[in-house]
Amino acid sequence: MSAANPAERTDPTGPTDPTRREGGGRVVFVTGTGTEVGKTVATAAVAASALRAGLRVAVLKPGQTGVAPGEPGDAEEVARLAGPAAGGPGTLTLRELARYPEPLAPDTAARRAGLPCLAAEDVAKEVAALAGRHDLVLVEGAGGLLVRYDEQGRTLADQARAVRELGRPAEVLLVAAAGLGTLSTTALTAEALSARGLPLLGVVVGAWPRSPGLADRCNLTDLPRAAGAPLLGALPERAGLAGDFPALAVAALAPELHGHWDAAAFTAAFTAEHGGAHADEG
């Protein structure tokens, strides 16, 4: 079931992303260490910062669950947050390939609704088509990396591998929680990606608390170690309510994601006064 695409705009004359791959745009799959870690807001932030840089951006939600026909889904939330950054050379295209009404894993939701599952090959073809017309394609998954999309148990990781099999490099951006318990799920996701030959671009904290505790502060140092990849941003909690979301996005994301956030300075600001102590996860 295809979704409407109210935010689609095209401008073939826009500037080219310096990270754009030969023969197509950069492809980044966005996954999380679990549900409710800020994946959609993080996707919108990366889109907004790229749009502010003048890039042509596409955001694809392969399988939307828990939303009835006609109701706004994650793609519409991205449009609400990142849309104001579009204009001039920066353009935003949204796609949703399938929608299932119950808030379950896509394969379970499809089966219960009597609707077809998403094939990894079909997702890959759509990604490739979008990459041919955009500087950056963001693919937001459902839940964590290994959530099932079809009866064969194929996952977002399989979709990313299918894109790579079409000859288009694909990276994965991991959105993680800030606090206690996040190191294990981050390390497990990184190991799963490595086992599948998928590069982990980095980690973004999806909701940095206003009053971070000991584990939150220590995890700024420990998350990159657990992931084996850099920390590329920390979005403040309730970022989706910001009055100027695109400006917030640029301030909260690293240059690799078209922002100006400094991981070392951010980490130092929250750890120096606490003596660099480390919290044990339980």
C-alpha atoms as a PDB file:
ATOM      1  CA  MET A   1       0.000   0.000   0.000  1.00  0.00           C
ATOM      2  CA  SER A   2       1.583   3.251  -1.046  1.00  0.00           C
ATOM      3  CA  ALA A   3       1.333   6.421   0.980  1.00  0.00           C
ATOM      4  CA  ALA A   4       0.693   9.894  -0.315  1.00  0.00           C
ATOM      5  CA  ASN A   5       3.766  12.014  -0.813  1.00  0.00           C
ATOM      6  CA  PRO A   6       2.830  15.578   0.172  1.00  0.00           C
ATOM      7  CA  ALA A   7       6.401  16.772   0.697  1.00  0.00           C
ATOM      8  CA  GLU A   8       7.866  15.643  -2.614  1.00  0.00           C
ATOM      9  CA  ARG A   9       9.635  18.368  -4.530  1.00  0.00           C
ATOM     10  CA  THR A  10      12.137  18.042  -7.322  1.00  0.00           C
ATOM     11  CA  ASP A  11      15.009  20.243  -8.385  1.00  0.00           C
ATOM     12  CA  PRO A  12      17.570  18.603 -10.653  1.00  0.00           C
ATOM     13  CA  THR A  13      19.856  21.605 -10.439  1.00  0.00           C
ATOM     14  CA  GLY A  14      20.633  21.270  -6.713  1.00  0.00           C
ATOM     15  CA  PRO A  15      24.253  21.014  -5.512  1.00  0.00           C
ATOM     16  CA  THR A  16      25.866  17.637  -5.081  1.00  0.00           C
ATOM     17  CA  ASP A  17      26.734  16.169  -1.692  1.00  0.00           C
ATOM     18  CA  PRO A  18      30.526  15.677  -1.405  1.00  0.00           C
ATOM     19  CA  THR A  19      29.802  12.254   0.112  1.00  0.00           C
ATOM     20  CA  ARG A  20      27.632  11.277  -2.871  1.00  0.00           C
ATOM     21  CA  ARG A  21      28.757   7.962  -4.383  1.00  0.00           C
ATOM     22  CA  GLU A  22      29.631   7.728  -8.050  1.00  0.00           C
ATOM     23  CA  GLY A  23      26.515   6.809  -9.974  1.00  0.00           C
ATOM     24  CA  GLY A  24      24.084   7.736  -7.206  1.00  0.00           C
ATOM     25  CA  GLY A  25      23.421   9.380  -3.894  1.00  0.00           C
ATOM     26  CA  ARG A  26      24.542   8.290  -0.479  1.00  0.00           C
ATOM     27  CA  VAL A  27      22.314   5.628   1.122  1.00  0.00           C
ATOM     28  CA  VAL A  28      21.964   5.485   4.914  1.00  0.00           C
ATOM     29  CA  PHE A  29      19.720   3.012   6.716  1.00  0.00           C
ATOM     30  CA  VAL A  30      18.575   4.337  10.099  1.00  0.00           C
ATOM     31  CA  THR A  31      17.952   1.745  12.792  1.00  0.00           C
ATOM     32  CA  GLY A  32      17.660   1.816  16.557  1.00  0.00           C
ATOM     33  CA  THR A  33      18.729  -0.179  19.567  1.00  0.00           C
ATOM     34  CA  GLY A  34      14.998  -0.752  20.118  1.00  0.00           C
ATOM     35  CA  THR A  35      11.661   0.992  19.906  1.00  0.00           C
ATOM     36  CA  GLU A  36      11.022   4.504  21.209  1.00  0.00           C
ATOM     37  CA  VAL A  37      14.682   5.577  21.070  1.00  0.00           C
ATOM     38  CA  GLY A  38      14.063   8.574  18.790  1.00  0.00           C
ATOM     39  CA  LYS A  39      14.606   6.999  15.365  1.00  0.00           C
ATOM     40  CA  THR A  40      12.076   9.129  13.495  1.00  0.00           C
ATOM     41  CA  VAL A  41      13.256  12.376  15.089  1.00  0.00           C
ATOM     42  CA  ALA A  42      16.859  11.413  14.326  1.00  0.00           C
ATOM     43  CA  THR A  43      15.935  10.627  10.716  1.00  0.00           C
ATOM     44  CA  ALA A  44      14.224  14.004  10.453  1.00  0.00           C
ATOM     45  CA  ALA A  45      17.274  15.699  11.969  1.00  0.00           C
ATOM     46  CA  VAL A  46      19.671  14.151   9.460  1.00  0.00           C
ATOM     47  CA  ALA A  47      17.285  15.106   6.657  1.00  0.00           C
ATOM     48  CA  ALA A  48      16.942  18.675   7.947  1.00  0.00           C
ATOM     49  CA  SER A  49      20.697  19.215   8.287  1.00  0.00           C
ATOM     50  CA  ALA A  50      21.275  17.872   4.774  1.00  0.00           C
ATOM     51  CA  LEU A  51      18.506  20.076   3.396  1.00  0.00           C
ATOM     52  CA  ARG A  52      20.056  23.096   5.108  1.00  0.00           C
ATOM     53  CA  ALA A  53      23.273  22.185   3.282  1.00  0.00           C
ATOM     54  CA  GLY A  54      21.357  22.405  -0.003  1.00  0.00           C
ATOM     55  CA  LEU A  55      21.126  18.696  -0.733  1.00  0.00           C
ATOM     56  CA  ARG A  56      18.396  16.717  -2.426  1.00  0.00           C
ATOM     57  CA  VAL A  57      17.090  14.316   0.227  1.00  0.00           C
ATOM     58  CA  ALA A  58      14.763  11.319   0.043  1.00  0.00           C
ATOM     59  CA  VAL A  59      13.335   9.619   3.130  1.00  0.00           C
ATOM     60  CA  LEU A  60      11.921   6.115   2.701  1.00  0.00           C
ATOM     61  CA  LYS A  61       9.827   4.287   5.311  1.00  0.00           C
ATOM     62  CA  PRO A  62       9.573   0.737   3.936  1.00  0.00           C
ATOM     63  CA  GLY A  63       6.997  -0.546   6.413  1.00  0.00           C
ATOM     64  CA  GLN A  64       4.832   1.682   8.602  1.00  0.00           C
ATOM     65  CA  THR A  65       3.023  -0.125  11.411  1.00  0.00           C
ATOM     66  CA  GLY A  66       0.512   1.009  14.003  1.00  0.00           C
ATOM     67  CA  VAL A  67      -1.068   3.646  11.762  1.00  0.00           C
ATOM     68  CA  ALA A  68      -4.427   3.403  10.005  1.00  0.00           C
ATOM     69  CA  PRO A  69      -4.961   4.510   6.401  1.00  0.00           C
ATOM     70  CA  GLY A  70      -5.211   8.284   6.171  1.00  0.00           C
ATOM     71  CA  GLU A  71      -3.475   8.894   9.501  1.00  0.00           C
ATOM     72  CA  PRO A  72      -0.071  10.614   9.598  1.00  0.00           C
ATOM     73  CA  GLY A  73       2.834   8.211   9.928  1.00  0.00           C
ATOM     74  CA  ASP A  74       6.571   8.567  10.394  1.00  0.00           C
ATOM     75  CA  ALA A  75       7.044  10.014   6.903  1.00  0.00           C
ATOM     76  CA  GLU A  76       4.604  12.810   7.700  1.00  0.00           C
ATOM     77  CA  GLU A  77       6.431  13.467  10.974  1.00  0.00           C
ATOM     78  CA  VAL A  78       9.692  13.797   9.050  1.00  0.00           C
ATOM     79  CA  ALA A  79       7.949  16.225   6.693  1.00  0.00           C
ATOM     80  CA  ARG A  80       6.654  18.279   9.641  1.00  0.00           C
ATOM     81  CA  LEU A  81      10.074  18.511  11.264  1.00  0.00           C
ATOM     82  CA  ALA A  82      12.451  18.663   8.294  1.00  0.00           C
ATOM     83  CA  GLY A  83      10.145  20.223   5.714  1.00  0.00           C
ATOM     84  CA  PRO A  84      10.847  23.824   6.790  1.00  0.00           C
ATOM     85  CA  ALA A  85      14.514  23.275   5.834  1.00  0.00           C
ATOM     86  CA  ALA A  86      13.564  22.453   2.233  1.00  0.00           C
ATOM     87  CA  GLY A  87      13.581  25.180  -0.367  1.00  0.00           C
ATOM     88  CA  GLY A  88      16.086  26.638  -2.772  1.00  0.00           C
ATOM     89  CA  PRO A  89      18.430  23.886  -3.859  1.00  0.00           C
ATOM     90  CA  GLY A  90      17.468  21.584  -0.965  1.00  0.00           C
ATOM     91  CA  THR A  91      14.497  19.345  -1.838  1.00  0.00           C
ATOM     92  CA  LEU A  92      12.696  16.646   0.135  1.00  0.00           C
ATOM     93  CA  THR A  93      11.009  13.504  -1.196  1.00  0.00           C
ATOM     94  CA  LEU A  94       9.067  11.101   1.025  1.00  0.00           C
ATOM     95  CA  ARG A  95       8.099   7.497   0.343  1.00  0.00           C
ATOM     96  CA  GLU A  96       6.157   4.883   2.304  1.00  0.00           C
ATOM     97  CA  LEU A  97       5.941   1.447   0.690  1.00  0.00           C
ATOM     98  CA  ALA A  98       3.528  -0.413   2.970  1.00  0.00           C
ATOM     99  CA  ARG A  99       1.276   0.353   5.906  1.00  0.00           C
ATOM    100  CA  TYR A 100      -0.156  -2.002   8.490  1.00  0.00           C
ATOM    101  CA  PRO A 101      -2.645  -0.839  11.138  1.00  0.00           C
ATOM    102  CA  GLU A 102      -1.459  -2.776  14.198  1.00  0.00           C
ATOM    103  CA  PRO A 103       1.663  -1.714  16.159  1.00  0.00           C
ATOM    104  CA  LEU A 104       3.576  -4.953  15.645  1.00  0.00           C
ATOM    105  CA  ALA A 105       6.612  -6.201  13.774  1.00  0.00           C
ATOM    106  CA  PRO A 106       5.962  -5.701  10.033  1.00  0.00           C
ATOM    107  CA  ASP A 107       5.702  -9.415   9.210  1.00  0.00           C
ATOM    108  CA  THR A 108       3.235 -10.059  12.057  1.00  0.00           C
ATOM    109  CA  ALA A 109       1.254  -6.920  11.269  1.00  0.00           C
ATOM    110  CA  ALA A 110       1.047  -7.884   7.592  1.00  0.00           C
ATOM    111  CA  ARG A 111      -0.069 -11.425   8.375  1.00  0.00           C
ATOM    112  CA  ARG A 112      -2.777 -10.293  10.783  1.00  0.00           C
ATOM    113  CA  ALA A 113      -4.036  -7.666   8.329  1.00  0.00           C
ATOM    114  CA  GLY A 114      -4.068 -10.087   5.406  1.00  0.00           C
ATOM    115  CA  LEU A 115      -1.693  -7.830   3.486  1.00  0.00           C
ATOM    116  CA  PRO A 116       1.461  -8.759   1.550  1.00  0.00           C
ATOM    117  CA  CYS A 117       4.809  -8.543   3.268  1.00  0.00           C
ATOM    118  CA  LEU A 118       7.614  -6.341   2.012  1.00  0.00           C
ATOM    119  CA  ALA A 119      10.270  -8.076  -0.057  1.00  0.00           C
ATOM    120  CA  ALA A 120      13.832  -6.922   0.527  1.00  0.00           C
ATOM    121  CA  GLU A 121      14.394  -6.816  -3.228  1.00  0.00           C
ATOM    122  CA  ASP A 122      11.480  -4.426  -3.741  1.00  0.00           C
ATOM    123  CA  VAL A 123      12.811  -2.099  -1.036  1.00  0.00           C
ATOM    124  CA  ALA A 124      16.259  -2.210  -2.641  1.00  0.00           C
ATOM    125  CA  LYS A 125      14.857  -1.305  -6.061  1.00  0.00           C
ATOM    126  CA  GLU A 126      13.043   1.705  -4.607  1.00  0.00           C
ATOM    127  CA  VAL A 127      16.177   2.813  -2.761  1.00  0.00           C
ATOM    128  CA  ALA A 128      18.240   2.517  -5.943  1.00  0.00           C
ATOM    129  CA  ALA A 129      15.705   4.552  -7.898  1.00  0.00           C
ATOM    130  CA  LEU A 130      15.696   7.284  -5.256  1.00  0.00           C
ATOM    131  CA  ALA A 131      19.499   7.292  -5.059  1.00  0.00           C
ATOM    132  CA  GLY A 132      19.634   8.002  -8.759  1.00  0.00           C
ATOM    133  CA  ARG A 133      17.792  11.296  -8.234  1.00  0.00           C
ATOM    134  CA  HIS A 134      18.958  12.440  -4.805  1.00  0.00           C
ATOM    135  CA  ASP A 135      22.175  13.246  -2.961  1.00  0.00           C
ATOM    136  CA  LEU A 136      21.074  11.417   0.196  1.00  0.00           C
ATOM    137  CA  VAL A 137      18.571   8.609   0.764  1.00  0.00           C
ATOM    138  CA  LEU A 138      17.559   7.832   4.350  1.00  0.00           C
ATOM    139  CA  VAL A 139      15.767   4.539   4.995  1.00  0.00           C
ATOM    140  CA  GLU A 140      14.092   4.392   8.398  1.00  0.00           C
ATOM    141  CA  GLY A 141      13.481   0.928   9.773  1.00  0.00           C
ATOM    142  CA  ALA A 142      10.894  -0.346  12.239  1.00  0.00           C
ATOM    143  CA  GLY A 143      12.190  -1.014  15.740  1.00  0.00           C
ATOM    144  CA  GLY A 144      15.640  -2.582  15.843  1.00  0.00           C
ATOM    145  CA  LEU A 145      17.913  -3.994  13.164  1.00  0.00           C
ATOM    146  CA  LEU A 146      16.621  -7.570  13.193  1.00  0.00           C
ATOM    147  CA  VAL A 147      12.876  -6.937  13.275  1.00  0.00           C
ATOM    148  CA  ARG A 148      11.267  -9.246  10.716  1.00  0.00           C
ATOM    149  CA  TYR A 149       9.666  -7.861   7.548  1.00  0.00           C
ATOM    150  CA  ASP A 150       8.525 -11.084   5.850  1.00  0.00           C
ATOM    151  CA  GLU A 151       7.792 -14.787   6.325  1.00  0.00           C
ATOM    152  CA  GLN A 152      11.413 -15.684   5.558  1.00  0.00           C
ATOM    153  CA  GLY A 153      12.575 -13.588   8.500  1.00  0.00           C
ATOM    154  CA  ARG A 154      14.330 -10.974   6.397  1.00  0.00           C
ATOM    155  CA  THR A 155      15.119  -7.744   8.181  1.00  0.00           C
ATOM    156  CA  LEU A 156      16.293  -4.176   7.630  1.00  0.00           C
ATOM    157  CA  ALA A 157      19.809  -5.599   7.456  1.00  0.00           C
ATOM    158  CA  ASP A 158      18.723  -7.789   4.552  1.00  0.00           C
ATOM    159  CA  GLN A 159      17.255  -4.752   2.816  1.00  0.00           C
ATOM    160  CA  ALA A 160      20.574  -2.952   3.183  1.00  0.00           C
ATOM    161  CA  ARG A 161      22.426  -5.979   1.843  1.00  0.00           C
ATOM    162  CA  ALA A 162      20.025  -6.130  -1.114  1.00  0.00           C
ATOM    163  CA  VAL A 163      20.875  -2.494  -1.892  1.00  0.00           C
ATOM    164  CA  ARG A 164      24.579  -3.322  -1.808  1.00  0.00           C
ATOM    165  CA  GLU A 165      23.979  -6.305  -4.100  1.00  0.00           C
ATOM    166  CA  LEU A 166      22.620  -3.811  -6.634  1.00  0.00           C
ATOM    167  CA  GLY A 167      26.022  -2.131  -6.552  1.00  0.00           C
ATOM    168  CA  ARG A 168      25.040   0.819  -4.360  1.00  0.00           C
ATOM    169  CA  PRO A 169      26.992   1.299  -1.125  1.00  0.00           C
ATOM    170  CA  ALA A 170      24.756   1.442   1.927  1.00  0.00           C
ATOM    171  CA  GLU A 171      25.693   2.429   5.458  1.00  0.00           C
ATOM    172  CA  VAL A 172      23.817   2.115   8.743  1.00  0.00           C
ATOM    173  CA  LEU A 173      23.266   4.853  11.312  1.00  0.00           C
ATOM    174  CA  LEU A 174      22.381   3.587  14.778  1.00  0.00           C
ATOM    175  CA  VAL A 175      20.104   5.600  17.077  1.00  0.00           C
ATOM    176  CA  ALA A 176      20.702   4.655  20.698  1.00  0.00           C
ATOM    177  CA  ALA A 177      19.245   5.446  24.080  1.00  0.00           C
ATOM    178  CA  ALA A 178      21.389   7.500  26.417  1.00  0.00           C
ATOM    179  CA  GLY A 179      21.142   5.617  29.697  1.00  0.00           C
ATOM    180  CA  LEU A 180      21.642   2.348  31.506  1.00  0.00           C
ATOM    181  CA  GLY A 181      21.390  -0.738  29.292  1.00  0.00           C
ATOM    182  CA  THR A 182      22.265   0.948  26.023  1.00  0.00           C
ATOM    183  CA  LEU A 183      25.825  -0.371  25.773  1.00  0.00           C
ATOM    184  CA  SER A 184      24.760  -3.994  25.429  1.00  0.00           C
ATOM    185  CA  THR A 185      22.115  -3.344  22.768  1.00  0.00           C
ATOM    186  CA  THR A 186      24.525  -1.087  20.905  1.00  0.00           C
ATOM    187  CA  ALA A 187      27.263  -3.730  20.945  1.00  0.00           C
ATOM    188  CA  LEU A 188      24.810  -6.445  19.830  1.00  0.00           C
ATOM    189  CA  THR A 189      23.634  -4.319  16.918  1.00  0.00           C
ATOM    190  CA  ALA A 190      27.216  -3.527  15.907  1.00  0.00           C
ATOM    191  CA  GLU A 191      28.114  -7.229  15.998  1.00  0.00           C
ATOM    192  CA  ALA A 192      25.065  -8.121  13.893  1.00  0.00           C
ATOM    193  CA  LEU A 193      26.049  -5.512  11.308  1.00  0.00           C
ATOM    194  CA  SER A 194      29.647  -6.703  11.211  1.00  0.00           C
ATOM    195  CA  ALA A 195      28.545 -10.321  10.746  1.00  0.00           C
ATOM    196  CA  ARG A 196      26.515  -9.217   7.719  1.00  0.00           C
ATOM    197  CA  GLY A 197      29.252  -7.097   6.195  1.00  0.00           C
ATOM    198  CA  LEU A 198      27.368  -3.831   6.723  1.00  0.00           C
ATOM    199  CA  PRO A 199      29.324  -0.714   7.697  1.00  0.00           C
ATOM    200  CA  LEU A 200      28.198   1.189  10.786  1.00  0.00           C
ATOM    201  CA  LEU A 201      28.467   4.906  10.039  1.00  0.00           C
ATOM    202  CA  GLY A 202      28.100   5.946  13.666  1.00  0.00           C
ATOM    203  CA  VAL A 203      25.803   6.382  16.634  1.00  0.00           C
ATOM    204  CA  VAL A 204      23.366   9.187  17.460  1.00  0.00           C
ATOM    205  CA  VAL A 205      21.822   9.527  20.916  1.00  0.00           C
ATOM    206  CA  GLY A 206      18.130   9.884  20.196  1.00  0.00           C
ATOM    207  CA  ALA A 207      17.076  11.748  23.343  1.00  0.00           C
ATOM    208  CA  TRP A 208      19.744  13.334  25.532  1.00  0.00           C
ATOM    209  CA  PRO A 209      18.147  14.093  28.937  1.00  0.00           C
ATOM    210  CA  ARG A 210      17.959  17.587  30.364  1.00  0.00           C
ATOM    211  CA  SER A 211      19.465  16.297  33.612  1.00  0.00           C
ATOM    212  CA  PRO A 212      21.742  13.420  32.615  1.00  0.00           C
ATOM    213  CA  GLY A 213      22.614  10.847  35.247  1.00  0.00           C
ATOM    214  CA  LEU A 214      25.909   9.063  35.807  1.00  0.00           C
ATOM    215  CA  ALA A 215      25.226   6.322  33.240  1.00  0.00           C
ATOM    216  CA  ASP A 216      24.157   8.882  30.610  1.00  0.00           C
ATOM    217  CA  ARG A 217      27.365  10.872  31.060  1.00  0.00           C
ATOM    218  CA  CYS A 218      29.633   7.835  31.073  1.00  0.00           C
ATOM    219  CA  ASN A 219      27.962   6.409  27.992  1.00  0.00           C
ATOM    220  CA  LEU A 220      29.122   9.373  25.925  1.00  0.00           C
ATOM    221  CA  THR A 221      32.590   7.845  26.206  1.00  0.00           C
ATOM    222  CA  ASP A 222      31.507   4.210  26.188  1.00  0.00           C
ATOM    223  CA  LEU A 223      29.006   4.192  23.308  1.00  0.00           C
ATOM    224  CA  PRO A 224      31.659   4.636  20.581  1.00  0.00           C
ATOM    225  CA  ARG A 225      33.660   1.841  22.190  1.00  0.00           C
ATOM    226  CA  ALA A 226      30.673  -0.479  22.262  1.00  0.00           C
ATOM    227  CA  ALA A 227      29.769   0.354  18.671  1.00  0.00           C
ATOM    228  CA  GLY A 228      33.249   0.473  17.214  1.00  0.00           C
ATOM    229  CA  ALA A 229      32.058   3.626  15.458  1.00  0.00           C
ATOM    230  CA  PRO A 230      31.994   7.351  16.269  1.00  0.00           C
ATOM    231  CA  LEU A 231      29.358   9.262  18.174  1.00  0.00           C
ATOM    232  CA  LEU A 232      27.775  11.518  15.566  1.00  0.00           C
ATOM    233  CA  GLY A 233      25.208  13.458  17.549  1.00  0.00           C
ATOM    234  CA  ALA A 234      23.028  13.853  20.613  1.00  0.00           C
ATOM    235  CA  LEU A 235      19.515  15.159  20.091  1.00  0.00           C
ATOM    236  CA  PRO A 236      17.954  16.741  23.174  1.00  0.00           C
ATOM    237  CA  GLU A 237      14.901  15.038  24.599  1.00  0.00           C
ATOM    238  CA  ARG A 238      11.633  16.435  23.247  1.00  0.00           C
ATOM    239  CA  ALA A 239      13.526  17.698  20.196  1.00  0.00           C
ATOM    240  CA  GLY A 240      10.420  17.178  18.109  1.00  0.00           C
ATOM    241  CA  LEU A 241       8.781  20.091  19.924  1.00  0.00           C
ATOM    242  CA  ALA A 242      11.529  22.570  19.029  1.00  0.00           C
ATOM    243  CA  GLY A 243      10.414  25.837  17.479  1.00  0.00           C
ATOM    244  CA  ASP A 244      13.223  25.737  14.913  1.00  0.00           C
ATOM    245  CA  PHE A 245      13.914  22.064  14.399  1.00  0.00           C
ATOM    246  CA  PRO A 246      16.319  22.450  11.440  1.00  0.00           C
ATOM    247  CA  ALA A 247      18.546  24.760  13.497  1.00  0.00           C
ATOM    248  CA  LEU A 248      18.453  22.308  16.399  1.00  0.00           C
ATOM    249  CA  ALA A 249      19.386  19.478  14.028  1.00  0.00           C
ATOM    250  CA  VAL A 250      22.456  21.267  12.723  1.00  0.00           C
ATOM    251  CA  ALA A 251      23.561  22.030  16.282  1.00  0.00           C
ATOM    252  CA  ALA A 252      23.051  18.439  17.459  1.00  0.00           C
ATOM    253  CA  LEU A 253      24.698  16.509  14.612  1.00  0.00           C
ATOM    254  CA  ALA A 254      28.357  16.098  13.665  1.00  0.00           C
ATOM    255  CA  PRO A 255      29.887  17.364  10.402  1.00  0.00           C
ATOM    256  CA  GLU A 256      29.616  13.845   8.937  1.00  0.00           C
ATOM    257  CA  LEU A 257      25.848  14.442   9.064  1.00  0.00           C
ATOM    258  CA  HIS A 258      26.076  18.059   7.859  1.00  0.00           C
ATOM    259  CA  GLY A 259      25.943  19.598  11.328  1.00  0.00           C
ATOM    260  CA  HIS A 260      28.518  21.298  13.527  1.00  0.00           C
ATOM    261  CA  TRP A 261      28.200  19.300  16.767  1.00  0.00           C
ATOM    262  CA  ASP A 262      31.533  18.403  18.403  1.00  0.00           C
ATOM    263  CA  ALA A 263      31.530  15.001  20.110  1.00  0.00           C
ATOM    264  CA  ALA A 264      34.727  15.618  22.060  1.00  0.00           C
ATOM    265  CA  ALA A 265      33.580  18.981  23.413  1.00  0.00           C
ATOM    266  CA  PHE A 266      30.106  17.658  24.266  1.00  0.00           C
ATOM    267  CA  THR A 267      31.556  14.640  26.064  1.00  0.00           C
ATOM    268  CA  ALA A 268      34.083  16.725  27.959  1.00  0.00           C
ATOM    269  CA  ALA A 269      31.407  19.154  29.128  1.00  0.00           C
ATOM    270  CA  PHE A 270      29.461  16.360  30.797  1.00  0.00           C
ATOM    271  CA  THR A 271      32.299  14.197  32.123  1.00  0.00           C
ATOM    272  CA  ALA A 272      35.086  16.512  33.274  1.00  0.00           C
ATOM    273  CA  GLU A 273      33.354  17.742  36.408  1.00  0.00           C
ATOM    274  CA  HIS A 274      32.495  14.174  37.402  1.00  0.00           C
ATOM    275  CA  GLY A 275      36.046  12.888  37.249  1.00  0.00           C
ATOM    276  CA  GLY A 276      35.523  10.672  34.194  1.00  0.00           C
ATOM    277  CA  ALA A 277      33.977   7.902  36.336  1.00  0.00           C
ATOM    278  CA  HIS A 278      32.397   4.946  34.571  1.00  0.00           C
ATOM    279  CA  ALA A 279      29.117   3.316  35.516  1.00  0.00           C
ATOM    280  CA  ASP A 280      28.696  -0.437  35.425  1.00  0.00           C
ATOM    281  CA  GLU A 281      25.637  -1.533  33.494  1.00  0.00           C
ATOM    282  CA  GLY A 282      23.279  -3.871  35.227  1.00  0.00           C
END
